[in-house]
Amino acid sequence: MKFYVRVGILLAALQLCSVAATAGDLAHGLWVWKSQDVLAAPAAPRALLKFCESEGINEVYVSEVYVSVATDPHTFAISNEQQIVRLIALLHRSNIRVEALLSSVDADEPGKHRDKLLGRVRGVVEFNRQHPKERFDAVHLDVEPHQRPENKGPGNLRFLPDLVKTYRAVAALAGPAGMAVDADIPNKYLKGEIGERRMLLSSVPRLTLMLYEISSPLDGDSVAQKAEKLQKASLKSIEMAYQGLGNHDLAKISVALRTPDYGSLLDGMFKTLDQTLGGNPHYAGWARHSYNDTLFETR
């Protein structure tokens, strides 16, 4: 009996070690919007680094990397090249990944809109070729066709096939250049039929679920109640996403939370996510929206 008890204890310990190792690999991301302005001051990059280190951030999504200089959608110039080079070098020295954040509301559409986005991705690839030591680690897509009026409403995912084609086109450019692709999605995308979810989850290596409006600072709930609601919502979303799909070659999902929903409780909610989902093989980590909110708070 004692032997079996010892074996049981050993297996439990090994299982905990496995979960802990997985938790250590989790992504803890941060959006930086309007990066050219936010990072313009000489001390701004180090302030960002300090914030990342204090909040356990290990990857940063940097916006406004490229601007068009011609009518040709494939031609983009690096408008803030040296700023980005210095930022990537600084963050990489602290083992913080840097992703090029590319946004659009219509890049799902074939033709000029998708071509424009792909041109920007080619710009990121070219930047990495020119700066092999200060290169972007990934492309982070914030493509939001669900924001257009014709795509509003529950169950309205008619845009999804074109969006997935855009994701795959980006991955086809980024992958051979050694970059991963991460795409932001609302919970609506995970409510599709099994074929729609399989199509979405097989298009890129990672998705970031914007799990917003679960709570608010003025809803009257206690911290424990807010944490419980987040646990239930995050578990439900992950279960819904992979239901019936198995485990083969599917994207992992990070869960994004935002400052307006939790205020000063946000850090604790991130810990709740890691504790709740840290052992789930589909869970990639969490992301914080956004660094800009913290700048506003300190003004």
C-alpha atoms as a PDB file:
ATOM      1  CA  MET A   1       0.000   0.000   0.000  1.00  0.00           C
ATOM      2  CA  LYS A   2       2.810   2.411   0.919  1.00  0.00           C
ATOM      3  CA  PHE A   3       4.435   1.737  -2.471  1.00  0.00           C
ATOM      4  CA  TYR A   4       1.253   2.681  -4.330  1.00  0.00           C
ATOM      5  CA  VAL A   5       0.836   5.782  -2.217  1.00  0.00           C
ATOM      6  CA  ARG A   6       4.403   6.850  -3.031  1.00  0.00           C
ATOM      7  CA  VAL A   7       3.810   6.203  -6.727  1.00  0.00           C
ATOM      8  CA  GLY A   8       0.618   8.226  -6.593  1.00  0.00           C
ATOM      9  CA  ILE A   9       2.398  11.108  -4.899  1.00  0.00           C
ATOM     10  CA  LEU A  10       5.228  10.971  -7.470  1.00  0.00           C
ATOM     11  CA  LEU A  11       2.800  10.993 -10.383  1.00  0.00           C
ATOM     12  CA  ALA A  12       0.938  13.934  -8.899  1.00  0.00           C
ATOM     13  CA  ALA A  13       4.209  15.818  -8.446  1.00  0.00           C
ATOM     14  CA  LEU A  14       5.241  15.096 -12.026  1.00  0.00           C
ATOM     15  CA  GLN A  15       1.863  16.321 -13.246  1.00  0.00           C
ATOM     16  CA  LEU A  16       2.251  19.563 -11.289  1.00  0.00           C
ATOM     17  CA  CYS A  17       5.748  20.036 -12.718  1.00  0.00           C
ATOM     18  CA  SER A  18       4.359  19.535 -16.195  1.00  0.00           C
ATOM     19  CA  VAL A  19       1.663  22.155 -15.630  1.00  0.00           C
ATOM     20  CA  ALA A  20       4.217  24.535 -14.139  1.00  0.00           C
ATOM     21  CA  ALA A  21       6.515  24.109 -17.127  1.00  0.00           C
ATOM     22  CA  THR A  22       3.616  24.821 -19.432  1.00  0.00           C
ATOM     23  CA  ALA A  23       2.681  27.909 -17.426  1.00  0.00           C
ATOM     24  CA  GLY A  24       6.253  29.163 -17.738  1.00  0.00           C
ATOM     25  CA  ASP A  25       5.904  29.117 -21.520  1.00  0.00           C
ATOM     26  CA  LEU A  26       2.657  31.075 -21.598  1.00  0.00           C
ATOM     27  CA  ALA A  27       2.462  34.313 -23.566  1.00  0.00           C
ATOM     28  CA  HIS A  28       1.776  37.494 -21.609  1.00  0.00           C
ATOM     29  CA  GLY A  29       1.185  40.138 -24.258  1.00  0.00           C
ATOM     30  CA  LEU A  30       0.688  43.895 -24.448  1.00  0.00           C
ATOM     31  CA  TRP A  31      -0.709  46.137 -27.199  1.00  0.00           C
ATOM     32  CA  VAL A  32       1.056  49.435 -27.873  1.00  0.00           C
ATOM     33  CA  TRP A  33      -1.155  51.638 -30.043  1.00  0.00           C
ATOM     34  CA  LYS A  34       0.015  54.877 -31.720  1.00  0.00           C
ATOM     35  CA  SER A  35       3.534  53.646 -31.141  1.00  0.00           C
ATOM     36  CA  GLN A  36       5.284  56.441 -33.006  1.00  0.00           C
ATOM     37  CA  ASP A  37       3.847  59.025 -30.602  1.00  0.00           C
ATOM     38  CA  VAL A  38       4.004  56.841 -27.493  1.00  0.00           C
ATOM     39  CA  LEU A  39       7.660  55.956 -28.040  1.00  0.00           C
ATOM     40  CA  ALA A  40       8.821  59.332 -29.375  1.00  0.00           C
ATOM     41  CA  ALA A  41      10.297  60.672 -26.123  1.00  0.00           C
ATOM     42  CA  PRO A  42      13.880  59.517 -25.418  1.00  0.00           C
ATOM     43  CA  ALA A  43      12.878  57.864 -22.132  1.00  0.00           C
ATOM     44  CA  ALA A  44       9.732  56.197 -23.526  1.00  0.00           C
ATOM     45  CA  PRO A  45      11.241  52.863 -24.664  1.00  0.00           C
ATOM     46  CA  ARG A  46      12.814  52.254 -21.259  1.00  0.00           C
ATOM     47  CA  ALA A  47       9.556  53.208 -19.561  1.00  0.00           C
ATOM     48  CA  LEU A  48       7.818  50.572 -21.676  1.00  0.00           C
ATOM     49  CA  LEU A  49      10.487  48.018 -20.763  1.00  0.00           C
ATOM     50  CA  LYS A  50      10.083  48.823 -17.069  1.00  0.00           C
ATOM     51  CA  PHE A  51       6.319  48.363 -17.326  1.00  0.00           C
ATOM     52  CA  CYS A  52       6.757  45.011 -19.106  1.00  0.00           C
ATOM     53  CA  GLU A  53       9.152  43.757 -16.456  1.00  0.00           C
ATOM     54  CA  SER A  54       6.907  44.869 -13.585  1.00  0.00           C
ATOM     55  CA  GLU A  55       3.788  43.294 -15.128  1.00  0.00           C
ATOM     56  CA  GLY A  56       5.327  40.049 -16.384  1.00  0.00           C
ATOM     57  CA  ILE A  57       4.888  40.963 -20.053  1.00  0.00           C
ATOM     58  CA  ASN A  58       6.929  38.804 -22.420  1.00  0.00           C
ATOM     59  CA  GLU A  59       5.649  39.989 -25.805  1.00  0.00           C
ATOM     60  CA  VAL A  60       4.690  43.412 -27.181  1.00  0.00           C
ATOM     61  CA  TYR A  61       2.506  44.252 -30.200  1.00  0.00           C
ATOM     62  CA  VAL A  62       3.796  47.451 -31.821  1.00  0.00           C
ATOM     63  CA  SER A  63       1.460  49.395 -34.107  1.00  0.00           C
ATOM     64  CA  GLU A  64       2.084  51.959 -36.870  1.00  0.00           C
ATOM     65  CA  VAL A  65       5.236  50.336 -38.141  1.00  0.00           C
ATOM     66  CA  TYR A  66       4.883  51.300 -41.822  1.00  0.00           C
ATOM     67  CA  VAL A  67       3.241  54.029 -43.894  1.00  0.00           C
ATOM     68  CA  SER A  68       2.500  54.125 -47.608  1.00  0.00           C
ATOM     69  CA  VAL A  69       4.670  56.364 -49.771  1.00  0.00           C
ATOM     70  CA  ALA A  70       3.075  55.603 -53.143  1.00  0.00           C
ATOM     71  CA  THR A  71      -0.200  54.644 -54.737  1.00  0.00           C
ATOM     72  CA  ASP A  72       1.164  51.145 -55.302  1.00  0.00           C
ATOM     73  CA  PRO A  73      -0.253  49.087 -52.373  1.00  0.00           C
ATOM     74  CA  HIS A  74       2.860  46.895 -52.410  1.00  0.00           C
ATOM     75  CA  THR A  75       5.204  49.832 -51.772  1.00  0.00           C
ATOM     76  CA  PHE A  76       5.751  50.790 -48.145  1.00  0.00           C
ATOM     77  CA  ALA A  77       8.524  52.711 -46.452  1.00  0.00           C
ATOM     78  CA  ILE A  78       9.717  52.398 -42.889  1.00  0.00           C
ATOM     79  CA  SER A  79       8.645  55.690 -41.375  1.00  0.00           C
ATOM     80  CA  ASN A  80      10.205  55.129 -37.951  1.00  0.00           C
ATOM     81  CA  GLU A  81      12.931  52.621 -38.745  1.00  0.00           C
ATOM     82  CA  GLN A  82      15.550  53.600 -36.180  1.00  0.00           C
ATOM     83  CA  GLN A  83      12.944  53.968 -33.443  1.00  0.00           C
ATOM     84  CA  ILE A  84      11.749  50.425 -34.085  1.00  0.00           C
ATOM     85  CA  VAL A  85      15.283  49.047 -34.336  1.00  0.00           C
ATOM     86  CA  ARG A  86      16.228  50.510 -30.959  1.00  0.00           C
ATOM     87  CA  LEU A  87      12.991  49.307 -29.358  1.00  0.00           C
ATOM     88  CA  ILE A  88      13.362  45.730 -30.599  1.00  0.00           C
ATOM     89  CA  ALA A  89      17.001  45.595 -29.465  1.00  0.00           C
ATOM     90  CA  LEU A  90      16.038  46.879 -26.013  1.00  0.00           C
ATOM     91  CA  LEU A  91      13.140  44.448 -25.547  1.00  0.00           C
ATOM     92  CA  HIS A  92      15.005  41.459 -26.973  1.00  0.00           C
ATOM     93  CA  ARG A  93      17.803  41.950 -24.427  1.00  0.00           C
ATOM     94  CA  SER A  94      15.161  41.279 -21.767  1.00  0.00           C
ATOM     95  CA  ASN A  95      13.769  38.263 -23.683  1.00  0.00           C
ATOM     96  CA  ILE A  96      10.596  40.106 -24.690  1.00  0.00           C
ATOM     97  CA  ARG A  97       9.232  39.230 -28.113  1.00  0.00           C
ATOM     98  CA  VAL A  98       8.102  41.978 -30.482  1.00  0.00           C
ATOM     99  CA  GLU A  99       5.255  41.574 -32.974  1.00  0.00           C
ATOM    100  CA  ALA A 100       4.341  43.951 -35.795  1.00  0.00           C
ATOM    101  CA  LEU A 101       0.720  44.961 -35.192  1.00  0.00           C
ATOM    102  CA  LEU A 102      -1.185  45.469 -38.449  1.00  0.00           C
ATOM    103  CA  SER A 103      -4.786  46.710 -38.323  1.00  0.00           C
ATOM    104  CA  SER A 104      -7.653  46.923 -40.805  1.00  0.00           C
ATOM    105  CA  VAL A 105     -11.444  46.685 -40.967  1.00  0.00           C
ATOM    106  CA  ASP A 106     -11.575  45.502 -44.572  1.00  0.00           C
ATOM    107  CA  ALA A 107      -8.425  43.469 -45.317  1.00  0.00           C
ATOM    108  CA  ASP A 108     -10.574  40.342 -45.444  1.00  0.00           C
ATOM    109  CA  GLU A 109     -11.850  41.529 -48.821  1.00  0.00           C
ATOM    110  CA  PRO A 110      -9.948  40.262 -51.869  1.00  0.00           C
ATOM    111  CA  GLY A 111      -8.410  42.886 -54.112  1.00  0.00           C
ATOM    112  CA  LYS A 112      -6.972  46.210 -53.028  1.00  0.00           C
ATOM    113  CA  HIS A 113      -7.764  45.877 -49.316  1.00  0.00           C
ATOM    114  CA  ARG A 114      -6.130  42.471 -48.889  1.00  0.00           C
ATOM    115  CA  ASP A 115      -3.268  43.509 -51.190  1.00  0.00           C
ATOM    116  CA  LYS A 116      -2.584  46.543 -49.022  1.00  0.00           C
ATOM    117  CA  LEU A 117      -2.259  44.396 -45.912  1.00  0.00           C
ATOM    118  CA  LEU A 118      -0.039  41.889 -47.700  1.00  0.00           C
ATOM    119  CA  GLY A 119       2.128  44.786 -48.840  1.00  0.00           C
ATOM    120  CA  ARG A 120       2.601  45.779 -45.216  1.00  0.00           C
ATOM    121  CA  VAL A 121       3.525  42.201 -44.321  1.00  0.00           C
ATOM    122  CA  ARG A 122       6.124  42.249 -47.105  1.00  0.00           C
ATOM    123  CA  GLY A 123       7.440  45.424 -45.505  1.00  0.00           C
ATOM    124  CA  VAL A 124       7.882  43.589 -42.201  1.00  0.00           C
ATOM    125  CA  VAL A 125       9.660  40.756 -43.995  1.00  0.00           C
ATOM    126  CA  GLU A 126      11.966  43.254 -45.700  1.00  0.00           C
ATOM    127  CA  PHE A 127      12.636  45.020 -42.384  1.00  0.00           C
ATOM    128  CA  ASN A 128      13.701  41.693 -40.875  1.00  0.00           C
ATOM    129  CA  ARG A 129      15.965  40.989 -43.843  1.00  0.00           C
ATOM    130  CA  GLN A 130      17.688  44.324 -43.344  1.00  0.00           C
ATOM    131  CA  HIS A 131      17.874  43.983 -39.546  1.00  0.00           C
ATOM    132  CA  PRO A 132      18.537  40.308 -38.754  1.00  0.00           C
ATOM    133  CA  LYS A 133      19.535  41.081 -35.145  1.00  0.00           C
ATOM    134  CA  GLU A 134      16.590  43.411 -34.440  1.00  0.00           C
ATOM    135  CA  ARG A 135      13.856  41.535 -36.219  1.00  0.00           C
ATOM    136  CA  PHE A 136      10.153  41.188 -35.525  1.00  0.00           C
ATOM    137  CA  ASP A 137       9.255  37.829 -34.034  1.00  0.00           C
ATOM    138  CA  ALA A 138       5.745  37.690 -35.477  1.00  0.00           C
ATOM    139  CA  VAL A 139       2.978  39.470 -37.336  1.00  0.00           C
ATOM    140  CA  HIS A 140      -0.005  40.356 -35.157  1.00  0.00           C
ATOM    141  CA  LEU A 141      -3.219  40.881 -37.110  1.00  0.00           C
ATOM    142  CA  ASP A 142      -6.052  43.102 -35.952  1.00  0.00           C
ATOM    143  CA  VAL A 143      -8.394  42.627 -38.925  1.00  0.00           C
ATOM    144  CA  GLU A 144     -11.991  43.384 -37.906  1.00  0.00           C
ATOM    145  CA  PRO A 145     -14.597  42.781 -40.630  1.00  0.00           C
ATOM    146  CA  HIS A 146     -17.169  42.239 -37.858  1.00  0.00           C
ATOM    147  CA  GLN A 147     -17.043  46.011 -37.261  1.00  0.00           C
ATOM    148  CA  ARG A 148     -18.616  46.781 -40.646  1.00  0.00           C
ATOM    149  CA  PRO A 149     -22.432  47.285 -40.561  1.00  0.00           C
ATOM    150  CA  GLU A 150     -23.181  44.460 -43.000  1.00  0.00           C
ATOM    151  CA  ASN A 151     -21.389  41.986 -40.732  1.00  0.00           C
ATOM    152  CA  LYS A 152     -23.093  42.906 -37.471  1.00  0.00           C
ATOM    153  CA  GLY A 153     -25.448  40.594 -35.636  1.00  0.00           C
ATOM    154  CA  PRO A 154     -25.171  37.231 -33.877  1.00  0.00           C
ATOM    155  CA  GLY A 155     -24.400  34.310 -36.149  1.00  0.00           C
ATOM    156  CA  ASN A 156     -23.381  36.560 -39.039  1.00  0.00           C
ATOM    157  CA  LEU A 157     -20.065  35.011 -40.142  1.00  0.00           C
ATOM    158  CA  ARG A 158     -20.463  35.300 -43.901  1.00  0.00           C
ATOM    159  CA  PHE A 159     -17.167  37.179 -44.049  1.00  0.00           C
ATOM    160  CA  LEU A 160     -15.217  34.352 -42.385  1.00  0.00           C
ATOM    161  CA  PRO A 161     -14.084  32.454 -45.536  1.00  0.00           C
ATOM    162  CA  ASP A 162     -12.499  35.602 -46.977  1.00  0.00           C
ATOM    163  CA  LEU A 163     -10.947  36.497 -43.621  1.00  0.00           C
ATOM    164  CA  VAL A 164      -9.392  33.051 -43.366  1.00  0.00           C
ATOM    165  CA  LYS A 165      -7.966  33.445 -46.883  1.00  0.00           C
ATOM    166  CA  THR A 166      -6.328  36.675 -45.716  1.00  0.00           C
ATOM    167  CA  TYR A 167      -4.918  34.947 -42.620  1.00  0.00           C
ATOM    168  CA  ARG A 168      -3.474  32.175 -44.757  1.00  0.00           C
ATOM    169  CA  ALA A 169      -2.016  34.621 -47.257  1.00  0.00           C
ATOM    170  CA  VAL A 170      -0.258  36.445 -44.405  1.00  0.00           C
ATOM    171  CA  ALA A 171       1.010  33.155 -42.970  1.00  0.00           C
ATOM    172  CA  ALA A 172       2.348  32.184 -46.407  1.00  0.00           C
ATOM    173  CA  LEU A 173       4.524  35.314 -46.370  1.00  0.00           C
ATOM    174  CA  ALA A 174       5.460  35.338 -42.687  1.00  0.00           C
ATOM    175  CA  GLY A 175       6.130  31.630 -42.177  1.00  0.00           C
ATOM    176  CA  PRO A 176       9.005  31.218 -44.667  1.00  0.00           C
ATOM    177  CA  ALA A 177      10.528  34.401 -43.203  1.00  0.00           C
ATOM    178  CA  GLY A 178      10.627  32.815 -39.740  1.00  0.00           C
ATOM    179  CA  MET A 179       7.712  34.702 -38.218  1.00  0.00           C
ATOM    180  CA  ALA A 180       4.629  33.372 -36.489  1.00  0.00           C
ATOM    181  CA  VAL A 181       1.173  34.881 -37.063  1.00  0.00           C
ATOM    182  CA  ASP A 182      -1.271  35.811 -34.312  1.00  0.00           C
ATOM    183  CA  ALA A 183      -4.768  37.169 -35.057  1.00  0.00           C
ATOM    184  CA  ASP A 184      -7.213  38.994 -32.780  1.00  0.00           C
ATOM    185  CA  ILE A 185     -10.781  37.687 -32.780  1.00  0.00           C
ATOM    186  CA  PRO A 186     -14.025  38.416 -30.885  1.00  0.00           C
ATOM    187  CA  ASN A 187     -15.961  35.650 -29.137  1.00  0.00           C
ATOM    188  CA  LYS A 188     -18.453  35.730 -32.013  1.00  0.00           C
ATOM    189  CA  TYR A 189     -15.996  33.860 -34.246  1.00  0.00           C
ATOM    190  CA  LEU A 190     -15.975  30.860 -31.900  1.00  0.00           C
ATOM    191  CA  LYS A 191     -19.749  30.422 -32.099  1.00  0.00           C
ATOM    192  CA  GLY A 192     -19.702  29.182 -35.680  1.00  0.00           C
ATOM    193  CA  GLU A 193     -20.524  25.734 -36.986  1.00  0.00           C
ATOM    194  CA  ILE A 194     -17.872  23.042 -36.729  1.00  0.00           C
ATOM    195  CA  GLY A 195     -16.679  23.635 -40.298  1.00  0.00           C
ATOM    196  CA  GLU A 196     -16.308  27.376 -39.703  1.00  0.00           C
ATOM    197  CA  ARG A 197     -14.380  26.818 -36.486  1.00  0.00           C
ATOM    198  CA  ARG A 198     -12.113  24.228 -38.104  1.00  0.00           C
ATOM    199  CA  MET A 199     -11.405  26.640 -40.963  1.00  0.00           C
ATOM    200  CA  LEU A 200     -10.555  29.453 -38.532  1.00  0.00           C
ATOM    201  CA  LEU A 201      -8.459  27.411 -36.102  1.00  0.00           C
ATOM    202  CA  SER A 202      -6.393  25.838 -38.877  1.00  0.00           C
ATOM    203  CA  SER A 203      -5.509  29.135 -40.578  1.00  0.00           C
ATOM    204  CA  VAL A 204      -2.846  30.577 -38.236  1.00  0.00           C
ATOM    205  CA  PRO A 205      -0.742  29.270 -35.327  1.00  0.00           C
ATOM    206  CA  ARG A 206      -2.409  31.448 -32.716  1.00  0.00           C
ATOM    207  CA  LEU A 207      -5.563  33.450 -32.086  1.00  0.00           C
ATOM    208  CA  THR A 208      -6.124  36.071 -29.406  1.00  0.00           C
ATOM    209  CA  LEU A 209      -9.663  36.087 -28.047  1.00  0.00           C
ATOM    210  CA  MET A 210     -10.896  39.527 -27.006  1.00  0.00           C
ATOM    211  CA  LEU A 211     -12.914  38.434 -23.972  1.00  0.00           C
ATOM    212  CA  TYR A 212     -14.385  41.812 -23.088  1.00  0.00           C
ATOM    213  CA  GLU A 213     -17.387  43.085 -21.118  1.00  0.00           C
ATOM    214  CA  ILE A 214     -17.569  40.125 -18.749  1.00  0.00           C
ATOM    215  CA  SER A 215     -17.396  42.567 -15.840  1.00  0.00           C
ATOM    216  CA  SER A 216     -17.190  46.297 -15.219  1.00  0.00           C
ATOM    217  CA  PRO A 217     -15.808  48.363 -12.314  1.00  0.00           C
ATOM    218  CA  LEU A 218     -19.338  49.561 -11.486  1.00  0.00           C
ATOM    219  CA  ASP A 219     -21.242  46.251 -11.628  1.00  0.00           C
ATOM    220  CA  GLY A 220     -21.254  45.822  -7.846  1.00  0.00           C
ATOM    221  CA  ASP A 221     -19.622  42.377  -7.930  1.00  0.00           C
ATOM    222  CA  SER A 222     -16.924  41.407  -5.453  1.00  0.00           C
ATOM    223  CA  VAL A 223     -13.434  40.477  -6.628  1.00  0.00           C
ATOM    224  CA  ALA A 224     -14.288  36.812  -6.093  1.00  0.00           C
ATOM    225  CA  GLN A 225     -17.460  37.146  -8.157  1.00  0.00           C
ATOM    226  CA  LYS A 226     -15.584  38.839 -10.995  1.00  0.00           C
ATOM    227  CA  ALA A 227     -12.953  36.102 -10.946  1.00  0.00           C
ATOM    228  CA  GLU A 228     -15.634  33.419 -10.993  1.00  0.00           C
ATOM    229  CA  LYS A 229     -17.383  35.016 -13.970  1.00  0.00           C
ATOM    230  CA  LEU A 230     -14.071  35.178 -15.829  1.00  0.00           C
ATOM    231  CA  GLN A 231     -13.338  31.539 -15.041  1.00  0.00           C
ATOM    232  CA  LYS A 232     -16.692  30.429 -16.400  1.00  0.00           C
ATOM    233  CA  ALA A 233     -16.519  32.616 -19.501  1.00  0.00           C
ATOM    234  CA  SER A 234     -12.972  31.639 -20.430  1.00  0.00           C
ATOM    235  CA  LEU A 235     -13.589  27.928 -19.904  1.00  0.00           C
ATOM    236  CA  LYS A 236     -16.786  28.127 -21.946  1.00  0.00           C
ATOM    237  CA  SER A 237     -15.045  29.926 -24.808  1.00  0.00           C
ATOM    238  CA  ILE A 238     -12.158  27.457 -25.010  1.00  0.00           C
ATOM    239  CA  GLU A 239     -14.527  24.484 -24.843  1.00  0.00           C
ATOM    240  CA  MET A 240     -16.788  26.016 -27.495  1.00  0.00           C
ATOM    241  CA  ALA A 241     -13.857  26.736 -29.827  1.00  0.00           C
ATOM    242  CA  TYR A 242     -12.532  23.175 -30.002  1.00  0.00           C
ATOM    243  CA  GLN A 243     -15.716  21.192 -29.557  1.00  0.00           C
ATOM    244  CA  GLY A 244     -15.735  18.293 -32.015  1.00  0.00           C
ATOM    245  CA  LEU A 245     -12.421  19.270 -33.627  1.00  0.00           C
ATOM    246  CA  GLY A 246      -9.845  17.076 -31.893  1.00  0.00           C
ATOM    247  CA  ASN A 247      -6.318  18.292 -31.264  1.00  0.00           C
ATOM    248  CA  HIS A 248      -4.573  18.159 -34.638  1.00  0.00           C
ATOM    249  CA  ASP A 249      -2.818  21.211 -36.130  1.00  0.00           C
ATOM    250  CA  LEU A 250      -5.111  23.781 -34.566  1.00  0.00           C
ATOM    251  CA  ALA A 251      -4.269  27.249 -33.325  1.00  0.00           C
ATOM    252  CA  LYS A 252      -3.782  27.906 -29.640  1.00  0.00           C
ATOM    253  CA  ILE A 253      -5.771  30.722 -28.060  1.00  0.00           C
ATOM    254  CA  SER A 254      -4.626  33.584 -25.869  1.00  0.00           C
ATOM    255  CA  VAL A 255      -7.257  35.451 -23.872  1.00  0.00           C
ATOM    256  CA  ALA A 256      -7.218  39.252 -23.901  1.00  0.00           C
ATOM    257  CA  LEU A 257      -8.649  41.413 -21.120  1.00  0.00           C
ATOM    258  CA  ARG A 258      -8.877  45.192 -21.000  1.00  0.00           C
ATOM    259  CA  THR A 259      -8.443  47.882 -18.374  1.00  0.00           C
ATOM    260  CA  PRO A 260     -11.976  49.397 -18.651  1.00  0.00           C
ATOM    261  CA  ASP A 261     -13.533  46.098 -17.543  1.00  0.00           C
ATOM    262  CA  TYR A 262     -11.476  45.564 -14.370  1.00  0.00           C
ATOM    263  CA  GLY A 263      -9.559  48.730 -13.488  1.00  0.00           C
ATOM    264  CA  SER A 264      -7.008  48.062 -10.749  1.00  0.00           C
ATOM    265  CA  LEU A 265      -8.127  44.418 -10.524  1.00  0.00           C
ATOM    266  CA  LEU A 266      -6.760  43.568 -13.957  1.00  0.00           C
ATOM    267  CA  ASP A 267      -3.511  41.958 -12.775  1.00  0.00           C
ATOM    268  CA  GLY A 268      -5.438  39.606 -10.515  1.00  0.00           C
ATOM    269  CA  MET A 269      -7.700  38.592 -13.398  1.00  0.00           C
ATOM    270  CA  PHE A 270      -4.679  37.613 -15.470  1.00  0.00           C
ATOM    271  CA  LYS A 271      -3.570  35.356 -12.635  1.00  0.00           C
ATOM    272  CA  THR A 272      -7.071  33.883 -12.617  1.00  0.00           C
ATOM    273  CA  LEU A 273      -6.738  33.049 -16.325  1.00  0.00           C
ATOM    274  CA  ASP A 274      -3.390  31.298 -15.870  1.00  0.00           C
ATOM    275  CA  GLN A 275      -4.668  29.373 -12.855  1.00  0.00           C
ATOM    276  CA  THR A 276      -7.874  28.372 -14.638  1.00  0.00           C
ATOM    277  CA  LEU A 277      -6.497  27.515 -18.072  1.00  0.00           C
ATOM    278  CA  GLY A 278      -2.771  26.978 -17.485  1.00  0.00           C
ATOM    279  CA  GLY A 279      -3.034  23.202 -17.827  1.00  0.00           C
ATOM    280  CA  ASN A 280      -5.208  23.330 -20.958  1.00  0.00           C
ATOM    281  CA  PRO A 281      -3.234  22.360 -24.088  1.00  0.00           C
ATOM    282  CA  HIS A 282      -5.209  24.868 -26.168  1.00  0.00           C
ATOM    283  CA  TYR A 283      -4.408  27.839 -23.927  1.00  0.00           C
ATOM    284  CA  ALA A 284      -1.532  30.069 -25.101  1.00  0.00           C
ATOM    285  CA  GLY A 285      -1.619  32.748 -22.378  1.00  0.00           C
ATOM    286  CA  TRP A 286      -3.110  36.210 -21.940  1.00  0.00           C
ATOM    287  CA  ALA A 287      -2.804  39.672 -23.418  1.00  0.00           C
ATOM    288  CA  ARG A 288      -3.386  43.132 -21.963  1.00  0.00           C
ATOM    289  CA  HIS A 289      -5.275  45.860 -23.790  1.00  0.00           C
ATOM    290  CA  SER A 290      -3.477  48.174 -23.610  1.00  0.00           C
ATOM    291  CA  TYR A 291      -0.284  50.037 -22.612  1.00  0.00           C
ATOM    292  CA  ASN A 292      -1.949  53.266 -23.729  1.00  0.00           C
ATOM    293  CA  ASP A 293      -4.526  52.919 -20.937  1.00  0.00           C
ATOM    294  CA  THR A 294      -1.765  52.987 -18.347  1.00  0.00           C
ATOM    295  CA  LEU A 295      -0.307  56.152 -19.864  1.00  0.00           C
ATOM    296  CA  PHE A 296      -3.717  57.832 -19.637  1.00  0.00           C
ATOM    297  CA  GLU A 297      -4.034  56.794 -16.007  1.00  0.00           C
ATOM    298  CA  THR A 298      -0.738  58.438 -15.072  1.00  0.00           C
ATOM    299  CA  ARG A 299      -1.455  61.805 -16.728  1.00  0.00           C
END
